[in-house]
N, C-alpha and C. Protein backbone atom coordinates (compact mmCIF):
# COMPACT_ATOMS: atom_id res chain seq x y z
N MET A 1 131.89 -247.75 -218.27
CA MET A 1 131.57 -248.17 -216.86
C MET A 1 132.67 -249.13 -216.37
N HIS A 2 133.41 -249.71 -217.28
CA HIS A 2 134.45 -250.61 -216.81
C HIS A 2 135.63 -249.83 -216.04
N ILE A 3 135.70 -248.56 -216.39
CA ILE A 3 136.73 -247.75 -215.70
C ILE A 3 136.33 -247.62 -214.18
N VAL A 4 135.05 -247.43 -213.97
CA VAL A 4 134.61 -247.37 -212.52
C VAL A 4 134.85 -248.64 -211.75
N LEU A 5 134.51 -249.73 -212.44
CA LEU A 5 134.62 -251.03 -211.85
C LEU A 5 136.13 -251.43 -211.58
N ILE A 6 136.89 -251.11 -212.50
CA ILE A 6 138.31 -251.44 -212.35
C ILE A 6 138.93 -250.55 -211.24
N SER A 7 138.46 -249.24 -211.23
CA SER A 7 138.99 -248.36 -210.13
C SER A 7 138.47 -248.80 -208.73
N ALA A 8 137.21 -249.41 -208.71
CA ALA A 8 136.68 -249.90 -207.48
C ALA A 8 137.55 -251.15 -207.01
N ILE A 9 138.01 -251.98 -207.99
CA ILE A 9 138.80 -253.11 -207.60
C ILE A 9 140.17 -252.60 -207.12
N ILE A 10 140.75 -251.62 -207.80
CA ILE A 10 142.08 -251.11 -207.39
C ILE A 10 142.00 -250.45 -206.04
N VAL A 11 140.98 -249.61 -205.81
CA VAL A 11 140.84 -249.01 -204.48
C VAL A 11 140.60 -250.04 -203.43
N ASN A 12 139.88 -251.06 -203.68
CA ASN A 12 139.55 -252.13 -202.81
C ASN A 12 140.85 -252.85 -202.31
N ILE A 13 141.76 -253.12 -203.34
CA ILE A 13 143.00 -253.78 -203.03
C ILE A 13 143.90 -252.86 -202.22
N LEU A 14 143.96 -251.54 -202.59
CA LEU A 14 144.74 -250.62 -201.80
C LEU A 14 144.24 -250.50 -200.35
N SER A 15 142.96 -250.53 -200.17
CA SER A 15 142.40 -250.41 -198.85
C SER A 15 142.73 -251.61 -197.97
N VAL A 16 142.74 -252.79 -198.61
CA VAL A 16 143.05 -254.02 -197.84
C VAL A 16 144.57 -253.94 -197.45
N ILE A 17 145.40 -253.43 -198.34
CA ILE A 17 146.85 -253.27 -198.01
C ILE A 17 147.03 -252.27 -196.90
N MET A 18 146.35 -251.19 -196.94
CA MET A 18 146.40 -250.20 -195.89
C MET A 18 146.02 -250.69 -194.57
N LEU A 19 144.90 -251.50 -194.51
CA LEU A 19 144.44 -252.06 -193.24
C LEU A 19 145.44 -253.07 -192.74
N LEU A 20 146.00 -253.85 -193.68
CA LEU A 20 147.03 -254.85 -193.25
C LEU A 20 148.28 -254.21 -192.65
N ILE A 21 148.65 -253.13 -193.21
CA ILE A 21 149.78 -252.33 -192.66
C ILE A 21 149.50 -251.90 -191.25
N GLY A 22 148.29 -251.37 -191.05
CA GLY A 22 147.96 -250.93 -189.70
C GLY A 22 147.83 -252.10 -188.71
N LEU A 23 147.37 -253.29 -189.19
CA LEU A 23 147.26 -254.45 -188.35
C LEU A 23 148.60 -254.96 -187.86
N PHE A 24 149.59 -255.00 -188.74
CA PHE A 24 150.88 -255.59 -188.45
C PHE A 24 152.00 -254.66 -188.06
N TYR A 25 151.87 -253.38 -188.35
CA TYR A 25 152.91 -252.41 -187.99
C TYR A 25 152.60 -251.73 -186.76
N ASN A 26 153.57 -251.63 -185.87
CA ASN A 26 153.39 -250.96 -184.60
C ASN A 26 153.95 -249.52 -184.77
N PHE A 27 153.12 -248.54 -184.78
CA PHE A 27 153.60 -247.11 -185.04
C PHE A 27 154.18 -246.57 -183.70
N LYS A 28 155.44 -246.04 -183.81
CA LYS A 28 156.09 -245.51 -182.65
C LYS A 28 156.12 -243.99 -182.71
N GLN A 29 156.24 -243.48 -183.89
CA GLN A 29 156.34 -241.98 -184.05
C GLN A 29 154.97 -241.42 -184.37
N PRO A 30 154.55 -240.39 -183.65
CA PRO A 30 153.19 -239.81 -183.88
C PRO A 30 153.03 -239.25 -185.24
N LYS A 31 154.10 -238.72 -185.87
CA LYS A 31 153.96 -238.17 -187.29
C LYS A 31 153.61 -239.21 -188.25
N ILE A 32 154.25 -240.38 -188.11
CA ILE A 32 153.97 -241.49 -189.08
C ILE A 32 152.57 -242.04 -188.82
N LYS A 33 152.12 -242.10 -187.57
CA LYS A 33 150.83 -242.50 -187.24
C LYS A 33 149.76 -241.59 -187.73
N ALA A 34 150.00 -240.32 -187.68
CA ALA A 34 149.12 -239.25 -188.26
C ALA A 34 148.95 -239.38 -189.74
N VAL A 35 150.04 -239.59 -190.43
CA VAL A 35 150.05 -239.72 -191.86
C VAL A 35 149.34 -241.00 -192.29
N TYR A 36 149.56 -242.07 -191.46
CA TYR A 36 148.82 -243.32 -191.75
C TYR A 36 147.30 -243.06 -191.56
N GLY A 37 146.95 -242.34 -190.56
CA GLY A 37 145.54 -242.02 -190.29
C GLY A 37 144.85 -241.27 -191.44
N TYR A 38 145.59 -240.34 -192.02
CA TYR A 38 145.10 -239.57 -193.15
C TYR A 38 144.95 -240.54 -194.40
N LEU A 39 145.93 -241.39 -194.60
CA LEU A 39 145.91 -242.31 -195.72
C LEU A 39 144.81 -243.29 -195.58
N ILE A 40 144.50 -243.82 -194.39
CA ILE A 40 143.45 -244.79 -194.19
C ILE A 40 142.08 -244.12 -194.38
N THR A 41 141.95 -242.84 -193.96
CA THR A 41 140.78 -242.11 -194.21
C THR A 41 140.48 -241.96 -195.68
N GLY A 42 141.49 -241.56 -196.37
CA GLY A 42 141.34 -241.36 -197.80
C GLY A 42 140.97 -242.67 -198.56
N CYS A 43 141.63 -243.76 -198.11
CA CYS A 43 141.31 -245.03 -198.78
C CYS A 43 139.88 -245.45 -198.44
N MET A 44 139.47 -245.26 -197.23
CA MET A 44 138.10 -245.66 -196.87
C MET A 44 137.05 -244.80 -197.56
N LEU A 45 137.32 -243.53 -197.71
CA LEU A 45 136.39 -242.72 -198.42
C LEU A 45 136.29 -243.06 -199.92
N LEU A 46 137.41 -243.28 -200.51
CA LEU A 46 137.45 -243.76 -201.91
C LEU A 46 136.78 -245.16 -202.05
N TYR A 47 137.01 -245.97 -201.12
CA TYR A 47 136.39 -247.32 -201.06
C TYR A 47 134.81 -247.21 -201.09
N ILE A 48 134.34 -246.37 -200.16
CA ILE A 48 132.91 -246.24 -200.06
C ILE A 48 132.29 -245.56 -201.32
N LEU A 49 132.90 -244.54 -201.83
CA LEU A 49 132.48 -243.87 -203.04
C LEU A 49 132.47 -244.83 -204.25
N THR A 50 133.56 -245.53 -204.47
CA THR A 50 133.58 -246.40 -205.58
C THR A 50 132.67 -247.61 -205.47
N LEU A 51 132.46 -248.16 -204.24
CA LEU A 51 131.52 -249.19 -204.06
C LEU A 51 130.10 -248.79 -204.23
N ILE A 52 129.79 -247.55 -203.85
CA ILE A 52 128.44 -246.96 -204.11
C ILE A 52 128.17 -246.96 -205.58
N VAL A 53 129.15 -246.40 -206.38
CA VAL A 53 128.93 -246.37 -207.79
C VAL A 53 128.83 -247.74 -208.42
N ALA A 54 129.58 -248.73 -207.96
CA ALA A 54 129.51 -250.08 -208.50
C ALA A 54 128.19 -250.68 -208.07
N LEU A 55 127.70 -250.37 -206.87
CA LEU A 55 126.47 -250.90 -206.37
C LEU A 55 125.31 -250.40 -207.25
N ILE A 56 125.31 -249.09 -207.58
CA ILE A 56 124.26 -248.47 -208.42
C ILE A 56 124.36 -249.16 -209.83
N TYR A 57 125.57 -249.35 -210.32
CA TYR A 57 125.76 -250.07 -211.62
C TYR A 57 125.12 -251.47 -211.58
N GLY A 58 125.36 -252.12 -210.47
CA GLY A 58 124.73 -253.47 -210.34
C GLY A 58 123.27 -253.49 -210.22
N VAL A 59 122.70 -252.46 -209.66
CA VAL A 59 121.23 -252.41 -209.56
C VAL A 59 120.65 -252.17 -210.94
N PHE A 60 121.29 -251.34 -211.74
CA PHE A 60 120.86 -251.09 -213.12
C PHE A 60 120.98 -252.30 -214.00
N ARG A 61 121.96 -253.11 -213.70
CA ARG A 61 122.11 -254.34 -214.50
C ARG A 61 121.36 -255.53 -213.94
N LYS A 62 120.58 -255.27 -212.86
CA LYS A 62 119.64 -256.26 -212.23
C LYS A 62 120.47 -257.35 -211.55
N HIS A 63 121.57 -257.04 -210.94
CA HIS A 63 122.34 -257.98 -210.08
C HIS A 63 122.02 -257.62 -208.65
N TYR A 64 120.84 -257.95 -208.19
CA TYR A 64 120.40 -257.54 -206.88
C TYR A 64 121.13 -258.22 -205.74
N LEU A 65 121.45 -259.53 -205.92
CA LEU A 65 122.19 -260.24 -204.90
C LEU A 65 123.56 -259.60 -204.60
N TYR A 66 124.31 -259.41 -205.72
CA TYR A 66 125.62 -258.80 -205.67
C TYR A 66 125.53 -257.38 -205.16
N SER A 67 124.51 -256.63 -205.53
CA SER A 67 124.36 -255.23 -205.07
C SER A 67 124.05 -255.24 -203.57
N SER A 68 123.26 -256.21 -203.09
CA SER A 68 123.01 -256.26 -201.63
C SER A 68 124.24 -256.58 -200.82
N ILE A 69 125.04 -257.43 -201.36
CA ILE A 69 126.38 -257.81 -200.70
C ILE A 69 127.27 -256.54 -200.68
N LEU A 70 127.34 -255.83 -201.79
CA LEU A 70 128.13 -254.53 -201.85
C LEU A 70 127.54 -253.53 -200.87
N PHE A 71 126.22 -253.41 -200.72
CA PHE A 71 125.61 -252.56 -199.79
C PHE A 71 126.04 -252.88 -198.37
N LEU A 72 126.02 -254.12 -197.99
CA LEU A 72 126.47 -254.52 -196.66
C LEU A 72 127.95 -254.19 -196.42
N CYS A 73 128.72 -254.31 -197.52
CA CYS A 73 130.15 -254.01 -197.37
C CYS A 73 130.37 -252.45 -197.24
N VAL A 74 129.50 -251.66 -197.85
CA VAL A 74 129.56 -250.25 -197.74
C VAL A 74 129.21 -249.76 -196.40
N ILE A 75 128.23 -250.33 -195.76
CA ILE A 75 127.86 -249.92 -194.41
C ILE A 75 128.63 -250.56 -193.29
N SER A 76 129.44 -251.59 -193.63
CA SER A 76 130.22 -252.30 -192.62
C SER A 76 131.21 -251.34 -191.85
N PRO A 77 131.86 -250.41 -192.44
CA PRO A 77 132.77 -249.57 -191.60
C PRO A 77 132.02 -248.74 -190.58
N PHE A 78 130.82 -248.39 -190.84
CA PHE A 78 129.99 -247.62 -189.87
C PHE A 78 129.55 -248.45 -188.74
N ILE A 79 129.14 -249.71 -189.09
CA ILE A 79 128.68 -250.64 -188.00
C ILE A 79 129.90 -251.01 -187.15
N ILE A 80 131.06 -251.30 -187.75
CA ILE A 80 132.27 -251.72 -187.07
C ILE A 80 132.76 -250.50 -186.18
N GLY A 81 132.65 -249.38 -186.77
CA GLY A 81 133.12 -248.12 -186.01
C GLY A 81 132.25 -247.89 -184.79
N LYS A 82 131.00 -248.25 -184.82
CA LYS A 82 130.13 -248.03 -183.67
C LYS A 82 130.49 -249.09 -182.57
N LEU A 83 130.92 -250.28 -182.94
CA LEU A 83 131.19 -251.39 -182.00
C LEU A 83 132.64 -251.37 -181.44
N VAL A 84 133.54 -250.77 -182.10
CA VAL A 84 135.02 -250.96 -181.74
C VAL A 84 135.33 -250.18 -180.53
N GLU A 85 136.18 -250.76 -179.67
CA GLU A 85 136.85 -250.06 -178.60
C GLU A 85 138.37 -250.23 -178.77
N TYR A 86 139.10 -249.48 -178.01
CA TYR A 86 140.52 -249.59 -178.17
C TYR A 86 141.11 -250.99 -177.88
N GLU A 87 140.51 -251.70 -176.96
CA GLU A 87 140.98 -253.04 -176.62
C GLU A 87 140.68 -254.09 -177.71
N THR A 88 139.66 -253.81 -178.50
CA THR A 88 139.28 -254.81 -179.52
C THR A 88 139.54 -254.28 -180.93
N LEU A 89 140.47 -253.35 -181.10
CA LEU A 89 140.73 -252.76 -182.34
C LEU A 89 141.27 -253.75 -183.36
N LYS A 90 142.19 -254.60 -182.92
CA LYS A 90 142.76 -255.55 -183.84
C LYS A 90 141.76 -256.52 -184.40
N LYS A 91 140.86 -257.01 -183.52
CA LYS A 91 139.78 -257.95 -183.98
C LYS A 91 138.91 -257.27 -185.02
N TYR A 92 138.51 -256.03 -184.76
CA TYR A 92 137.58 -255.38 -185.70
C TYR A 92 138.28 -255.02 -186.99
N THR A 93 139.55 -254.72 -186.91
CA THR A 93 140.34 -254.42 -188.12
C THR A 93 140.35 -255.74 -188.98
N LEU A 94 140.49 -256.89 -188.36
CA LEU A 94 140.53 -258.14 -189.13
C LEU A 94 139.12 -258.35 -189.72
N VAL A 95 138.02 -258.06 -189.03
CA VAL A 95 136.66 -258.19 -189.50
C VAL A 95 136.50 -257.23 -190.73
N GLN A 96 137.02 -256.03 -190.61
CA GLN A 96 136.98 -255.10 -191.74
C GLN A 96 137.66 -255.56 -192.93
N ILE A 97 138.87 -256.17 -192.73
CA ILE A 97 139.70 -256.74 -193.88
C ILE A 97 138.79 -257.77 -194.52
N ILE A 98 138.18 -258.64 -193.72
CA ILE A 98 137.31 -259.72 -194.30
C ILE A 98 136.16 -259.09 -195.14
N CYS A 99 135.55 -258.02 -194.62
CA CYS A 99 134.52 -257.38 -195.43
C CYS A 99 135.08 -256.80 -196.72
N TYR A 100 136.23 -256.26 -196.69
CA TYR A 100 136.88 -255.68 -197.88
C TYR A 100 137.19 -256.81 -198.91
N VAL A 101 137.63 -257.91 -198.44
CA VAL A 101 137.94 -259.07 -199.28
C VAL A 101 136.61 -259.59 -199.90
N VAL A 102 135.54 -259.67 -199.08
CA VAL A 102 134.27 -260.13 -199.64
C VAL A 102 133.78 -259.15 -200.71
N SER A 103 133.92 -257.94 -200.53
CA SER A 103 133.55 -256.95 -201.57
C SER A 103 134.38 -257.07 -202.84
N LEU A 104 135.70 -257.37 -202.56
CA LEU A 104 136.57 -257.56 -203.77
C LEU A 104 136.23 -258.81 -204.52
N ILE A 105 135.90 -259.89 -203.86
CA ILE A 105 135.48 -261.13 -204.53
C ILE A 105 134.15 -260.87 -205.28
N THR A 106 133.23 -260.12 -204.65
CA THR A 106 131.95 -259.82 -205.29
C THR A 106 132.16 -259.04 -206.53
N LEU A 107 133.05 -258.04 -206.51
CA LEU A 107 133.34 -257.25 -207.67
C LEU A 107 133.91 -258.07 -208.76
N LEU A 108 134.86 -258.99 -208.40
CA LEU A 108 135.49 -259.75 -209.42
C LEU A 108 134.58 -260.79 -210.02
N LEU A 109 133.66 -261.36 -209.21
CA LEU A 109 132.65 -262.36 -209.77
C LEU A 109 131.53 -261.74 -210.49
N ASN A 110 131.10 -260.55 -210.10
CA ASN A 110 129.90 -259.99 -210.63
C ASN A 110 130.20 -259.31 -212.00
N PHE A 111 131.21 -258.52 -212.05
CA PHE A 111 131.39 -257.65 -213.21
C PHE A 111 132.56 -258.17 -214.06
N GLU A 112 132.20 -258.54 -215.22
CA GLU A 112 133.18 -259.12 -216.16
C GLU A 112 133.87 -258.03 -216.99
């Protein structure tokens, strides 16, 4: 099970890096922007899948507080995606990065 948790931590770190790239880099070429969109989609899907597996593992180990925090982090992209508009994209990207960091800290604290 440690393999799943370590992969969840690695995917979480990669997702934070991908979001930070999108936050600070101004894409001028559409091809690069499209590739970035595919990469961010892949990172988010892997993030959600690995966090769900880590969440289930936490429930079985009776870490309900940590599991509920991970659940909130799993549903956060959907909530933020419903609220975001083009004008507020940078703000919500920052909020998403904070959610990813919270889930990373939870993973590091919870699972030894």
